[in-house]
C-alpha atoms as a PDB file:
ATOM      1  CA  MET A   1     -23.141  23.107 141.067  1.00  0.00           C
ATOM      2  CA  LEU A   2     -19.550  24.503 140.550  1.00  0.00           C
ATOM      3  CA  ARG A   3     -19.641  26.683 137.397  1.00  0.00           C
ATOM      4  CA  VAL A   4     -16.098  27.464 136.256  1.00  0.00           C
ATOM      5  CA  GLY A   5     -15.433  29.410 133.175  1.00  0.00           C
ATOM      6  CA  MET A   6     -11.747  29.340 130.888  1.00  0.00           C
ATOM      7  CA  LEU A   7      -9.883  30.852 128.687  1.00  0.00           C
ATOM      8  CA  THR A   8      -6.660  31.033 127.101  1.00  0.00           C
ATOM      9  CA  SER A   9      -5.350  34.510 126.011  1.00  0.00           C
ATOM     10  CA  GLY A  10      -2.517  36.112 124.012  1.00  0.00           C
ATOM     11  CA  GLY A  11      -0.112  33.907 122.086  1.00  0.00           C
ATOM     12  CA  ASP A  12      -0.283  30.507 122.207  1.00  0.00           C
ATOM     13  CA  CYS A  13       2.099  27.768 123.371  1.00  0.00           C
ATOM     14  CA  GLN A  14       2.835  24.533 123.772  1.00  0.00           C
ATOM     15  CA  ALA A  15       1.490  23.487 127.089  1.00  0.00           C
ATOM     16  CA  LEU A  16      -1.822  25.247 127.219  1.00  0.00           C
ATOM     17  CA  ASN A  17      -3.718  22.242 126.501  1.00  0.00           C
ATOM     18  CA  ALA A  18      -1.605  20.267 129.488  1.00  0.00           C
ATOM     19  CA  THR A  19      -2.286  22.980 131.912  1.00  0.00           C
ATOM     20  CA  MET A  20      -6.217  23.451 131.535  1.00  0.00           C
ATOM     21  CA  ARG A  21      -6.322  19.309 131.518  1.00  0.00           C
ATOM     22  CA  GLY A  22      -4.551  19.552 134.963  1.00  0.00           C
ATOM     23  CA  ILE A  23      -7.300  21.892 136.148  1.00  0.00           C
ATOM     24  CA  VAL A  24     -10.283  19.788 134.947  1.00  0.00           C
ATOM     25  CA  LYS A  25      -9.205  16.295 135.842  1.00  0.00           C
ATOM     26  CA  SER A  26      -8.533  18.003 139.606  1.00  0.00           C
ATOM     27  CA  LEU A  27     -11.901  19.660 139.695  1.00  0.00           C
ATOM     28  CA  TYR A  28     -13.756  16.143 138.698  1.00  0.00           C
ATOM     29  CA  GLY A  29     -11.509  14.348 140.962  1.00  0.00           C
ATOM     30  CA  LYS A  30     -13.013  16.240 143.946  1.00  0.00           C
ATOM     31  CA  ARG A  31     -16.483  16.953 142.447  1.00  0.00           C
ATOM     32  CA  ASP A  32     -19.272  15.550 140.513  1.00  0.00           C
ATOM     33  CA  ASP A  33     -21.426  18.835 140.212  1.00  0.00           C
ATOM     34  CA  VAL A  34     -19.123  20.515 137.598  1.00  0.00           C
ATOM     35  CA  GLU A  35     -20.088  22.246 134.986  1.00  0.00           C
ATOM     36  CA  ILE A  36     -17.132  23.755 132.731  1.00  0.00           C
ATOM     37  CA  TYR A  37     -17.701  26.750 129.991  1.00  0.00           C
ATOM     38  CA  GLY A  38     -14.708  27.069 127.445  1.00  0.00           C
ATOM     39  CA  PHE A  39     -14.486  30.832 126.332  1.00  0.00           C
ATOM     40  CA  GLN A  40     -13.424  30.801 122.373  1.00  0.00           C
ATOM     41  CA  GLU A  41     -10.694  33.063 120.930  1.00  0.00           C
ATOM     42  CA  GLY A  42      -9.848  34.122 124.565  1.00  0.00           C
ATOM     43  CA  TYR A  43     -11.032  37.592 126.148  1.00  0.00           C
ATOM     44  CA  LYS A  44     -12.862  38.155 122.713  1.00  0.00           C
ATOM     45  CA  GLY A  45     -15.114  34.816 123.645  1.00  0.00           C
ATOM     46  CA  LEU A  46     -15.551  36.379 127.032  1.00  0.00           C
ATOM     47  CA  ILE A  47     -16.678  39.861 125.589  1.00  0.00           C
ATOM     48  CA  TYR A  48     -19.249  38.379 123.053  1.00  0.00           C
ATOM     49  CA  SER A  49     -20.381  35.463 125.009  1.00  0.00           C
ATOM     50  CA  ASN A  50     -18.797  32.681 122.639  1.00  0.00           C
ATOM     51  CA  PHE A  51     -18.520  29.974 124.597  1.00  0.00           C
ATOM     52  CA  LYS A  52     -18.970  26.395 124.644  1.00  0.00           C
ATOM     53  CA  MET A  53     -19.714  23.899 127.275  1.00  0.00           C
ATOM     54  CA  LEU A  54     -16.966  21.203 128.313  1.00  0.00           C
ATOM     55  CA  THR A  55     -16.828  18.248 129.513  1.00  0.00           C
ATOM     56  CA  SER A  56     -14.117  15.630 131.165  1.00  0.00           C
ATOM     57  CA  LYS A  57     -14.195  13.750 127.785  1.00  0.00           C
ATOM     58  CA  ASP A  58     -12.946  17.158 126.141  1.00  0.00           C
ATOM     59  CA  PHE A  59      -9.632  17.257 127.951  1.00  0.00           C
ATOM     60  CA  SER A  60      -8.799  13.582 127.793  1.00  0.00           C
ATOM     61  CA  GLY A  61      -5.603  12.782 125.397  1.00  0.00           C
ATOM     62  CA  ILE A  62      -4.412  16.470 125.326  1.00  0.00           C
ATOM     63  CA  LEU A  63      -1.290  16.425 127.654  1.00  0.00           C
ATOM     64  CA  THR A  64       0.649  16.281 124.266  1.00  0.00           C
ATOM     65  CA  VAL A  65      -1.308  18.659 122.219  1.00  0.00           C
ATOM     66  CA  GLY A  66      -0.078  21.474 121.183  1.00  0.00           C
ATOM     67  CA  GLY A  67      -1.702  24.992 120.760  1.00  0.00           C
ATOM     68  CA  THR A  68      -5.173  25.392 122.658  1.00  0.00           C
ATOM     69  CA  ILE A  69      -8.862  23.610 122.225  1.00  0.00           C
ATOM     70  CA  LEU A  70     -10.180  26.909 122.946  1.00  0.00           C
ATOM     71  CA  GLY A  71      -8.654  29.253 120.476  1.00  0.00           C
ATOM     72  CA  THR A  72      -6.951  32.568 121.407  1.00  0.00           C
ATOM     73  CA  SER A  73      -6.447  36.080 120.720  1.00  0.00           C
ATOM     74  CA  ARG A  74      -4.584  39.246 121.331  1.00  0.00           C
ATOM     75  CA  GLN A  75      -6.741  42.010 123.326  1.00  0.00           C
ATOM     76  CA  PRO A  76      -4.872  44.468 124.272  1.00  0.00           C
ATOM     77  CA  PHE A  77      -4.875  45.329 127.837  1.00  0.00           C
ATOM     78  CA  LYS A  78      -4.703  49.149 127.017  1.00  0.00           C
ATOM     79  CA  LYS A  79      -7.823  49.104 124.917  1.00  0.00           C
ATOM     80  CA  MET A  80      -9.826  46.879 126.941  1.00  0.00           C
ATOM     81  CA  ARG A  81     -11.504  50.496 128.531  1.00  0.00           C
ATOM     82  CA  GLU A  82     -12.049  51.405 124.782  1.00  0.00           C
ATOM     83  CA  PRO A  83     -15.591  50.568 123.432  1.00  0.00           C
ATOM     84  CA  ASP A  84     -15.406  48.530 120.775  1.00  0.00           C
ATOM     85  CA  GLU A  85     -16.381  49.463 116.931  1.00  0.00           C
ATOM     86  CA  ASN A  86     -20.204  48.929 117.975  1.00  0.00           C
ATOM     87  CA  GLY A  87     -19.647  51.407 121.260  1.00  0.00           C
ATOM     88  CA  LEU A  88     -19.850  47.990 123.273  1.00  0.00           C
ATOM     89  CA  ASP A  89     -17.794  48.623 126.974  1.00  0.00           C
ATOM     90  CA  LYS A  90     -15.840  45.614 126.699  1.00  0.00           C
ATOM     91  CA  VAL A  91     -15.233  45.280 130.450  1.00  0.00           C
ATOM     92  CA  GLU A  92     -18.514  45.656 131.374  1.00  0.00           C
ATOM     93  CA  ALA A  93     -19.920  42.800 128.741  1.00  0.00           C
ATOM     94  CA  MET A  94     -17.248  40.565 130.464  1.00  0.00           C
ATOM     95  CA  LYS A  95     -19.007  41.516 133.460  1.00  0.00           C
ATOM     96  CA  HIS A  96     -22.254  40.526 131.733  1.00  0.00           C
ATOM     97  CA  THR A  97     -21.193  37.464 130.213  1.00  0.00           C
ATOM     98  CA  TYR A  98     -19.939  35.800 133.528  1.00  0.00           C
ATOM     99  CA  HIS A  99     -22.981  36.998 135.468  1.00  0.00           C
ATOM    100  CA  LYS A 100     -25.569  35.717 132.931  1.00  0.00           C
ATOM    101  CA  LEU A 101     -23.782  32.018 133.320  1.00  0.00           C
ATOM    102  CA  ASN A 102     -23.808  32.479 137.088  1.00  0.00           C
ATOM    103  CA  LEU A 103     -20.350  31.537 137.023  1.00  0.00           C
ATOM    104  CA  ASP A 104     -18.240  30.853 140.417  1.00  0.00           C
ATOM    105  CA  CYS A 105     -15.108  31.529 139.118  1.00  0.00           C
ATOM    106  CA  LEU A 106     -12.841  32.266 135.639  1.00  0.00           C
ATOM    107  CA  VAL A 107      -9.617  30.476 135.157  1.00  0.00           C
ATOM    108  CA  ILE A 108      -7.603  32.604 132.775  1.00  0.00           C
ATOM    109  CA  LEU A 109      -4.514  31.596 131.300  1.00  0.00           C
ATOM    110  CA  GLY A 110      -1.856  33.816 129.898  1.00  0.00           C
ATOM    111  CA  GLY A 111       1.230  36.118 129.950  1.00  0.00           C
ATOM    112  CA  ASN A 112       1.727  39.957 130.920  1.00  0.00           C
ATOM    113  CA  GLY A 113      -1.020  41.214 128.930  1.00  0.00           C
ATOM    114  CA  THR A 114      -3.546  38.827 129.864  1.00  0.00           C
ATOM    115  CA  GLN A 115      -2.883  38.956 133.695  1.00  0.00           C
ATOM    116  CA  LYS A 116      -3.407  42.525 133.608  1.00  0.00           C
ATOM    117  CA  THR A 117      -6.664  42.261 132.184  1.00  0.00           C
ATOM    118  CA  ALA A 118      -7.126  39.452 134.619  1.00  0.00           C
ATOM    119  CA  ASN A 119      -6.357  41.661 137.450  1.00  0.00           C
ATOM    120  CA  LEU A 120      -8.732  44.453 136.071  1.00  0.00           C
ATOM    121  CA  LEU A 121     -11.596  41.811 136.449  1.00  0.00           C
ATOM    122  CA  ARG A 122     -10.518  40.973 139.888  1.00  0.00           C
ATOM    123  CA  GLU A 123     -11.172  44.535 140.735  1.00  0.00           C
ATOM    124  CA  GLU A 124     -14.284  44.820 138.893  1.00  0.00           C
ATOM    125  CA  GLY A 125     -15.258  42.231 141.412  1.00  0.00           C
ATOM    126  CA  LEU A 126     -14.846  38.806 139.660  1.00  0.00           C
ATOM    127  CA  ASN A 127     -13.618  35.699 141.172  1.00  0.00           C
ATOM    128  CA  ILE A 128     -10.192  34.681 139.092  1.00  0.00           C
ATOM    129  CA  VAL A 129      -7.965  32.584 138.955  1.00  0.00           C
ATOM    130  CA  SER A 130      -4.854  32.882 136.726  1.00  0.00           C
ATOM    131  CA  LEU A 131      -1.762  30.650 135.169  1.00  0.00           C
ATOM    132  CA  PRO A 132       1.257  31.815 134.124  1.00  0.00           C
ATOM    133  CA  LYS A 133       1.426  31.100 130.359  1.00  0.00           C
ATOM    134  CA  THR A 134       4.375  32.420 128.409  1.00  0.00           C
ATOM    135  CA  ILE A 135       7.389  31.133 126.611  1.00  0.00           C
ATOM    136  CA  ASP A 136       8.976  34.436 127.558  1.00  0.00           C
ATOM    137  CA  ASN A 137       9.388  33.324 131.334  1.00  0.00           C
ATOM    138  CA  ASP A 138       8.890  37.129 131.957  1.00  0.00           C
ATOM    139  CA  LEU A 139       6.010  37.019 134.206  1.00  0.00           C
ATOM    140  CA  TRP A 140       6.948  38.126 137.805  1.00  0.00           C
ATOM    141  CA  GLY A 141       6.449  35.809 140.707  1.00  0.00           C
ATOM    142  CA  THR A 142       7.264  32.523 139.297  1.00  0.00           C
ATOM    143  CA  ASP A 143      10.306  30.842 138.613  1.00  0.00           C
ATOM    144  CA  MET A 144       9.084  29.172 135.547  1.00  0.00           C
ATOM    145  CA  THR A 145       5.946  29.817 133.074  1.00  0.00           C
ATOM    146  CA  PHE A 146       4.580  27.233 131.298  1.00  0.00           C
ATOM    147  CA  GLY A 147       5.957  27.316 127.368  1.00  0.00           C
ATOM    148  CA  PHE A 148       9.465  28.250 128.009  1.00  0.00           C
ATOM    149  CA  GLN A 149      11.494  24.939 128.249  1.00  0.00           C
ATOM    150  CA  SER A 150       9.520  23.853 125.606  1.00  0.00           C
ATOM    151  CA  ALA A 151      10.625  26.830 123.326  1.00  0.00           C
ATOM    152  CA  VAL A 152      14.109  26.465 125.091  1.00  0.00           C
ATOM    153  CA  ASP A 153      14.347  23.181 123.537  1.00  0.00           C
ATOM    154  CA  ILE A 154      13.319  24.226 120.307  1.00  0.00           C
ATOM    155  CA  ALA A 155      15.681  27.112 119.952  1.00  0.00           C
ATOM    156  CA  THR A 156      18.137  25.137 121.012  1.00  0.00           C
ATOM    157  CA  ASP A 157      17.781  22.380 118.364  1.00  0.00           C
ATOM    158  CA  VAL A 158      18.066  25.161 115.875  1.00  0.00           C
ATOM    159  CA  ILE A 159      21.176  26.016 117.289  1.00  0.00           C
ATOM    160  CA  ASP A 160      22.483  22.545 117.165  1.00  0.00           C
ATOM    161  CA  LYS A 161      21.566  22.133 113.414  1.00  0.00           C
ATOM    162  CA  ILE A 162      23.409  25.501 112.717  1.00  0.00           C
ATOM    163  CA  HIS A 163      26.765  24.233 113.944  1.00  0.00           C
ATOM    164  CA  THR A 164      27.181  21.781 111.355  1.00  0.00           C
ATOM    165  CA  THR A 165      26.514  24.155 108.533  1.00  0.00           C
ATOM    166  CA  ALA A 166      28.813  26.943 110.128  1.00  0.00           C
ATOM    167  CA  THR A 167      31.333  24.315 110.683  1.00  0.00           C
ATOM    168  CA  SER A 168      31.447  23.938 107.248  1.00  0.00           C
ATOM    169  CA  HIS A 169      31.463  26.892 105.480  1.00  0.00           C
ATOM    170  CA  SER A 170      33.080  28.967 107.946  1.00  0.00           C
ATOM    171  CA  ARG A 171      30.714  31.077 108.784  1.00  0.00           C
ATOM    172  CA  VAL A 172      28.905  33.826 111.082  1.00  0.00           C
ATOM    173  CA  PHE A 173      25.597  32.660 111.993  1.00  0.00           C
ATOM    174  CA  ILE A 174      22.898  34.735 114.059  1.00  0.00           C
ATOM    175  CA  VAL A 175      20.027  32.711 115.243  1.00  0.00           C
ATOM    176  CA  GLU A 176      17.371  35.161 116.473  1.00  0.00           C
ATOM    177  CA  ILE A 177      15.363  33.712 119.360  1.00  0.00           C
ATOM    178  CA  MET A 178      12.259  35.091 120.718  1.00  0.00           C
ATOM    179  CA  GLY A 179      11.407  36.372 124.119  1.00  0.00           C
ATOM    180  CA  HIS A 180       9.697  39.646 123.712  1.00  0.00           C
ATOM    181  CA  ARG A 181      11.245  42.185 126.014  1.00  0.00           C
ATOM    182  CA  VAL A 182      13.360  39.642 128.137  1.00  0.00           C
ATOM    183  CA  GLY A 183      16.084  37.318 127.092  1.00  0.00           C
ATOM    184  CA  TRP A 184      15.497  34.240 128.670  1.00  0.00           C
ATOM    185  CA  VAL A 185      14.651  31.946 125.982  1.00  0.00           C
ATOM    186  CA  ALA A 186      17.883  33.535 124.220  1.00  0.00           C
ATOM    187  CA  LEU A 187      20.122  32.786 127.314  1.00  0.00           C
ATOM    188  CA  HIS A 188      18.855  29.286 128.178  1.00  0.00           C
ATOM    189  CA  ALA A 189      19.124  28.186 124.727  1.00  0.00           C
ATOM    190  CA  GLY A 190      22.161  29.938 124.000  1.00  0.00           C
ATOM    191  CA  ILE A 191      24.090  28.197 126.620  1.00  0.00           C
ATOM    192  CA  ALA A 192      22.639  24.756 125.692  1.00  0.00           C
ATOM    193  CA  GLY A 193      23.221  25.445 122.011  1.00  0.00           C
ATOM    194  CA  GLY A 194      26.747  26.178 122.698  1.00  0.00           C
ATOM    195  CA  ALA A 195      26.392  29.383 121.467  1.00  0.00           C
ATOM    196  CA  ASP A 196      30.027  31.485 121.279  1.00  0.00           C
ATOM    197  CA  ILE A 197      27.943  35.310 121.939  1.00  0.00           C
ATOM    198  CA  ILE A 198      24.355  35.546 123.401  1.00  0.00           C
ATOM    199  CA  LEU A 199      22.599  39.130 123.124  1.00  0.00           C
ATOM    200  CA  LEU A 200      20.041  40.300 125.603  1.00  0.00           C
ATOM    201  CA  PRO A 201      17.797  43.071 126.191  1.00  0.00           C
ATOM    202  CA  GLU A 202      18.947  43.270 129.503  1.00  0.00           C
ATOM    203  CA  ILE A 203      22.649  43.410 128.497  1.00  0.00           C
ATOM    204  CA  PRO A 204      23.037  46.016 125.631  1.00  0.00           C
ATOM    205  CA  TYR A 205      26.019  45.410 123.401  1.00  0.00           C
ATOM    206  CA  ASP A 206      28.655  47.411 121.240  1.00  0.00           C
ATOM    207  CA  PRO A 207      29.087  46.397 117.884  1.00  0.00           C
ATOM    208  CA  GLU A 208      32.959  46.723 117.975  1.00  0.00           C
ATOM    209  CA  ASN A 209      32.859  44.341 120.735  1.00  0.00           C
ATOM    210  CA  LEU A 210      31.083  41.627 119.005  1.00  0.00           C
ATOM    211  CA  ALA A 211      33.684  42.377 115.704  1.00  0.00           C
ATOM    212  CA  ASP A 212      36.681  42.122 117.988  1.00  0.00           C
ATOM    213  CA  THR A 213      35.061  38.658 119.351  1.00  0.00           C
ATOM    214  CA  ILE A 214      34.865  37.264 116.265  1.00  0.00           C
ATOM    215  CA  ASN A 215      38.361  38.126 114.731  1.00  0.00           C
ATOM    216  CA  ARG A 216      39.709  37.137 117.481  1.00  0.00           C
ATOM    217  CA  ARG A 217      38.116  34.086 117.207  1.00  0.00           C
ATOM    218  CA  ALA A 218      39.453  33.829 113.768  1.00  0.00           C
ATOM    219  CA  LYS A 219      42.650  34.172 114.415  1.00  0.00           C
ATOM    220  CA  GLU A 220      42.695  31.387 116.974  1.00  0.00           C
ATOM    221  CA  GLY A 221      41.685  29.211 114.356  1.00  0.00           C
ATOM    222  CA  LYS A 222      38.313  29.002 115.248  1.00  0.00           C
ATOM    223  CA  ARG A 223      36.403  28.595 111.837  1.00  0.00           C
ATOM    224  CA  PHE A 224      32.935  29.851 113.161  1.00  0.00           C
ATOM    225  CA  THR A 225      31.053  32.004 115.264  1.00  0.00           C
ATOM    226  CA  ILE A 226      27.193  31.391 116.305  1.00  0.00           C
ATOM    227  CA  ILE A 227      25.585  34.080 117.817  1.00  0.00           C
ATOM    228  CA  ALA A 228      22.318  33.796 119.622  1.00  0.00           C
ATOM    229  CA  VAL A 229      20.238  37.047 119.611  1.00  0.00           C
ATOM    230  CA  ALA A 230      16.905  37.905 121.465  1.00  0.00           C
ATOM    231  CA  GLU A 231      14.897  39.808 119.287  1.00  0.00           C
ATOM    232  CA  GLY A 232      14.484  42.466 121.988  1.00  0.00           C
ATOM    233  CA  ALA A 233      18.620  42.832 121.980  1.00  0.00           C
ATOM    234  CA  ILE A 234      19.887  46.464 121.791  1.00  0.00           C
ATOM    235  CA  THR A 235      22.777  48.727 121.415  1.00  0.00           C
ATOM    236  CA  LYS A 236      24.584  50.497 123.867  1.00  0.00           C
ATOM    237  CA  LYS A 237      24.132  53.469 121.863  1.00  0.00           C
ATOM    238  CA  ASP A 238      20.147  52.837 121.684  1.00  0.00           C
ATOM    239  CA  ALA A 239      19.858  51.970 125.118  1.00  0.00           C
ATOM    240  CA  LYS A 240      20.667  55.451 126.147  1.00  0.00           C
ATOM    241  CA  LEU A 241      17.652  56.457 123.508  1.00  0.00           C
ATOM    242  CA  SER A 242      14.437  57.489 124.980  1.00  0.00           C
ATOM    243  CA  LYS A 243      10.886  55.206 124.981  1.00  0.00           C
ATOM    244  CA  LYS A 244       9.560  57.593 121.923  1.00  0.00           C
ATOM    245  CA  GLU A 245      13.224  58.382 120.409  1.00  0.00           C
ATOM    246  CA  MET A 246      13.497  54.221 120.572  1.00  0.00           C
ATOM    247  CA  LYS A 247       9.619  54.171 118.551  1.00  0.00           C
ATOM    248  CA  GLU A 248      10.921  56.589 115.861  1.00  0.00           C
ATOM    249  CA  LYS A 249      13.931  54.649 115.530  1.00  0.00           C
ATOM    250  CA  GLN A 250      12.045  51.044 115.009  1.00  0.00           C
ATOM    251  CA  ALA A 251       9.450  52.868 112.648  1.00  0.00           C
ATOM    252  CA  ASN A 252      12.130  53.955 110.491  1.00  0.00           C
ATOM    253  CA  SER A 253      14.372  50.946 110.489  1.00  0.00           C
ATOM    254  CA  PRO A 254      15.236  49.317 106.996  1.00  0.00           C
ATOM    255  CA  TYR A 255      15.903  46.075 108.986  1.00  0.00           C
ATOM    256  CA  PRO A 256      13.250  43.664 109.357  1.00  0.00           C
ATOM    257  CA  SER A 257      14.310  42.623 112.807  1.00  0.00           C
ATOM    258  CA  VAL A 258      17.577  42.829 115.130  1.00  0.00           C
ATOM    259  CA  ALA A 259      19.132  39.623 113.236  1.00  0.00           C
ATOM    260  CA  TYR A 260      19.406  41.870 110.318  1.00  0.00           C
ATOM    261  CA  GLU A 261      20.611  44.776 112.227  1.00  0.00           C
ATOM    262  CA  VAL A 262      23.484  42.817 113.819  1.00  0.00           C
ATOM    263  CA  ALA A 263      24.526  41.039 110.521  1.00  0.00           C
ATOM    264  CA  ALA A 264      25.007  44.509 108.820  1.00  0.00           C
ATOM    265  CA  GLU A 265      26.851  46.089 111.736  1.00  0.00           C
ATOM    266  CA  LEU A 266      29.287  42.736 111.196  1.00  0.00           C
ATOM    267  CA  GLN A 267      29.558  42.771 107.677  1.00  0.00           C
ATOM    268  CA  LYS A 268      31.283  46.180 108.001  1.00  0.00           C
ATOM    269  CA  ARG A 269      33.448  45.196 110.748  1.00  0.00           C
ATOM    270  CA  THR A 270      34.575  41.647 109.755  1.00  0.00           C
ATOM    271  CA  ASP A 271      35.771  40.266 106.736  1.00  0.00           C
ATOM    272  CA  GLN A 272      33.456  36.572 107.331  1.00  0.00           C
ATOM    273  CA  GLU A 273      30.060  35.606 105.654  1.00  0.00           C
ATOM    274  CA  VAL A 274      27.184  36.256 108.019  1.00  0.00           C
ATOM    275  CA  ARG A 275      23.838  34.409 107.879  1.00  0.00           C
ATOM    276  CA  ILE A 276      20.574  34.754 109.823  1.00  0.00           C
ATOM    277  CA  THR A 277      18.224  32.249 110.861  1.00  0.00           C
ATOM    278  CA  VAL A 278      15.077  33.216 112.309  1.00  0.00           C
ATOM    279  CA  PRO A 279      13.007  30.174 113.625  1.00  0.00           C
ATOM    280  CA  GLY A 280      10.166  32.397 114.740  1.00  0.00           C
ATOM    281  CA  HIS A 281       6.528  31.053 115.776  1.00  0.00           C
ATOM    282  CA  THR A 282       8.176  27.286 115.771  1.00  0.00           C
ATOM    283  CA  GLN A 283       9.484  28.217 119.044  1.00  0.00           C
ATOM    284  CA  ARG A 284       5.508  27.907 120.371  1.00  0.00           C
ATOM    285  CA  GLY A 285       4.581  25.301 118.073  1.00  0.00           C
ATOM    286  CA  GLY A 286       4.784  21.214 118.541  1.00  0.00           C
ATOM    287  CA  ILE A 287       4.239  19.367 121.621  1.00  0.00           C
ATOM    288  CA  PRO A 288       5.318  20.333 125.076  1.00  0.00           C
ATOM    289  CA  CYS A 289       8.475  18.880 126.332  1.00  0.00           C
ATOM    290  CA  ALA A 290       8.202  16.624 129.244  1.00  0.00           C
ATOM    291  CA  TYR A 291       9.273  19.409 131.868  1.00  0.00           C
ATOM    292  CA  ASP A 292       6.480  21.304 130.508  1.00  0.00           C
ATOM    293  CA  ARG A 293       4.090  18.854 130.877  1.00  0.00           C
ATOM    294  CA  VAL A 294       4.732  18.297 134.673  1.00  0.00           C
ATOM    295  CA  LEU A 295       4.645  21.896 135.396  1.00  0.00           C
ATOM    296  CA  SER A 296       1.832  22.576 133.803  1.00  0.00           C
ATOM    297  CA  THR A 297       0.114  19.359 135.483  1.00  0.00           C
ATOM    298  CA  ARG A 298       1.245  20.824 138.701  1.00  0.00           C
ATOM    299  CA  LEU A 299       0.144  24.070 138.208  1.00  0.00           C
ATOM    300  CA  GLY A 300      -3.256  23.005 136.730  1.00  0.00           C
ATOM    301  CA  ALA A 301      -3.641  21.223 140.041  1.00  0.00           C
ATOM    302  CA  SER A 302      -2.535  23.758 142.442  1.00  0.00           C
ATOM    303  CA  ALA A 303      -5.094  26.115 140.521  1.00  0.00           C
ATOM    304  CA  ALA A 304      -7.984  23.754 140.806  1.00  0.00           C
ATOM    305  CA  GLN A 305      -7.107  23.626 144.776  1.00  0.00           C
ATOM    306  CA  MET A 306      -7.682  27.280 144.908  1.00  0.00           C
ATOM    307  CA  ILE A 307     -11.070  26.804 143.269  1.00  0.00           C
ATOM    308  CA  LEU A 308     -12.536  24.189 145.744  1.00  0.00           C
ATOM    309  CA  ASP A 309     -11.036  26.234 148.777  1.00  0.00           C
ATOM    310  CA  GLY A 310     -12.652  29.617 147.707  1.00  0.00           C
ATOM    311  CA  GLU A 311      -9.571  31.318 147.093  1.00  0.00           C
ATOM    312  CA  PHE A 312      -9.708  33.695 144.343  1.00  0.00           C
ATOM    313  CA  GLY A 313      -7.319  37.105 143.152  1.00  0.00           C
ATOM    314  CA  TYR A 314      -4.519  34.592 142.251  1.00  0.00           C
ATOM    315  CA  MET A 315      -2.151  33.267 140.237  1.00  0.00           C
ATOM    316  CA  ALA A 316      -0.755  29.721 140.677  1.00  0.00           C
ATOM    317  CA  ALA A 317       3.150  30.068 140.546  1.00  0.00           C
ATOM    318  CA  MET A 318       6.258  27.715 141.078  1.00  0.00           C
ATOM    319  CA  VAL A 319       8.824  29.286 143.752  1.00  0.00           C
ATOM    320  CA  ASP A 320      12.113  27.245 144.381  1.00  0.00           C
ATOM    321  CA  GLY A 321      10.435  23.777 143.189  1.00  0.00           C
ATOM    322  CA  GLU A 322       7.018  24.283 144.944  1.00  0.00           C
ATOM    323  CA  THR A 323       3.648  25.399 143.562  1.00  0.00           C
ATOM    324  CA  THR A 324       2.110  28.670 145.282  1.00  0.00           C
ATOM    325  CA  LYS A 325      -0.097  31.232 144.688  1.00  0.00           C
ATOM    326  CA  ILE A 326       0.923  35.225 144.445  1.00  0.00           C
ATOM    327  CA  PRO A 327      -2.003  37.669 144.677  1.00  0.00           C
ATOM    328  CA  LEU A 328      -2.753  38.926 141.131  1.00  0.00           C
ATOM    329  CA  SER A 329      -2.235  42.948 141.954  1.00  0.00           C
ATOM    330  CA  GLU A 330       1.328  41.854 142.733  1.00  0.00           C
ATOM    331  CA  VAL A 331       1.786  40.233 139.269  1.00  0.00           C
ATOM    332  CA  ALA A 332      -0.253  42.383 137.310  1.00  0.00           C
ATOM    333  CA  GLY A 333       2.294  45.009 135.008  1.00  0.00           C
ATOM    334  CA  LYS A 334       5.864  43.492 136.306  1.00  0.00           C
ATOM    335  CA  LEU A 335       8.124  41.735 134.029  1.00  0.00           C
ATOM    336  CA  LYS A 336      11.014  39.608 135.485  1.00  0.00           C
ATOM    337  CA  TYR A 337      14.166  40.683 133.724  1.00  0.00           C
ATOM    338  CA  VAL A 338      17.384  38.926 133.171  1.00  0.00           C
ATOM    339  CA  ASP A 339      19.775  39.933 136.196  1.00  0.00           C
ATOM    340  CA  PRO A 340      22.538  41.136 134.552  1.00  0.00           C
ATOM    341  CA  LYS A 341      24.793  40.105 137.811  1.00  0.00           C
ATOM    342  CA  SER A 342      23.090  36.920 138.152  1.00  0.00           C
ATOM    343  CA  SER A 343      25.295  33.726 139.022  1.00  0.00           C
ATOM    344  CA  ILE A 344      24.260  32.188 135.123  1.00  0.00           C
ATOM    345  CA  ILE A 345      25.540  35.253 133.380  1.00  0.00           C
ATOM    346  CA  LYS A 346      28.936  34.963 135.307  1.00  0.00           C
ATOM    347  CA  GLU A 347      29.352  31.733 134.887  1.00  0.00           C
ATOM    348  CA  ALA A 348      28.355  31.974 131.071  1.00  0.00           C
ATOM    349  CA  LYS A 349      31.296  34.630 130.900  1.00  0.00           C
ATOM    350  CA  LEU A 350      33.472  32.355 132.792  1.00  0.00           C
ATOM    351  CA  VAL A 351      33.100  29.398 129.873  1.00  0.00           C
ATOM    352  CA  GLY A 352      33.619  32.422 127.483  1.00  0.00           C
ATOM    353  CA  ILE A 353      30.561  33.028 126.374  1.00  0.00           C
ATOM    354  CA  SER A 354      30.620  36.771 124.944  1.00  0.00           C
ATOM    355  CA  PHE A 355      27.213  39.164 126.114  1.00  0.00           C
ATOM    356  CA  GLY A 356      28.839  41.885 123.697  1.00  0.00           C
ATOM    357  CA  ASP A 357      29.129  44.663 126.268  1.00  0.00           C
ATOM    358  CA  GLU A 358      33.076  44.000 127.093  1.00  0.00           C
END
């Protein structure tokens, strides 16, 4: 009997179900003696032994369903070694659940924090296979994470729709795009949506440069400007702050998010109306796009093959168009940032997109 535990942790995204489907269909395609234990609400289900037995039927018809049939929750890695409110050792509790069910392996789908905890469990002796889930596309070791392209499509659609009202009213529109500490979603959606300015965490911007770009466009007869701003974008001035100073600034900021700070700076420096659109969690919702369905199916099948081969301690990844496996020890704790010197940035600048840095 092959006993496999499975959980989804952290923020949800469009292709979690599609990926689990890929894993399970692949396992049942090779073996009849498979038991699937689905832990509910991520690591919380593993800690408190909250699970349900699943069969292949539970994974039928979910390729196009967003979210996760297992539910999810955020369990910060930095608190995993801290006892819960009742004094329970969470790491020991997870190990106990794993061994109580006599699992052969645990499949974990999640982003950066999730991968760190997955590696912790690997270090504790559990057989782990993980998969790269995040709309941010910031996991080290894989060219693409599932959920990313679906989020890009949604953010691009928002920018597309903003074009008509921006043109009609001759306004500056700021569209705030998710991405945590990196700018992958904003970069791709900004280019695809025809944004005039893209602000990324990896390329600190100068408010004066933004204003100059907008004023120059107005003099050239261009009636509107669209700015795609990543939620983690920062000014050149803030980039010089220490981590502690930055936390203090954010804690005392009068602005609910970076888009409002950018808008306030532009209102001081231009005479144009500025409007803000924050699509927020819509970028994580809805059905997965065709690209993510293919990616998830391939990564799921790759993870299943690892399980069948008894290869544990790896994350399934996509590199140069081919599925592969990356040691969890190399993935955990590393972020994949946009390279300011990369060809995609150079090409974006070549077509006239400003990044607010010059």
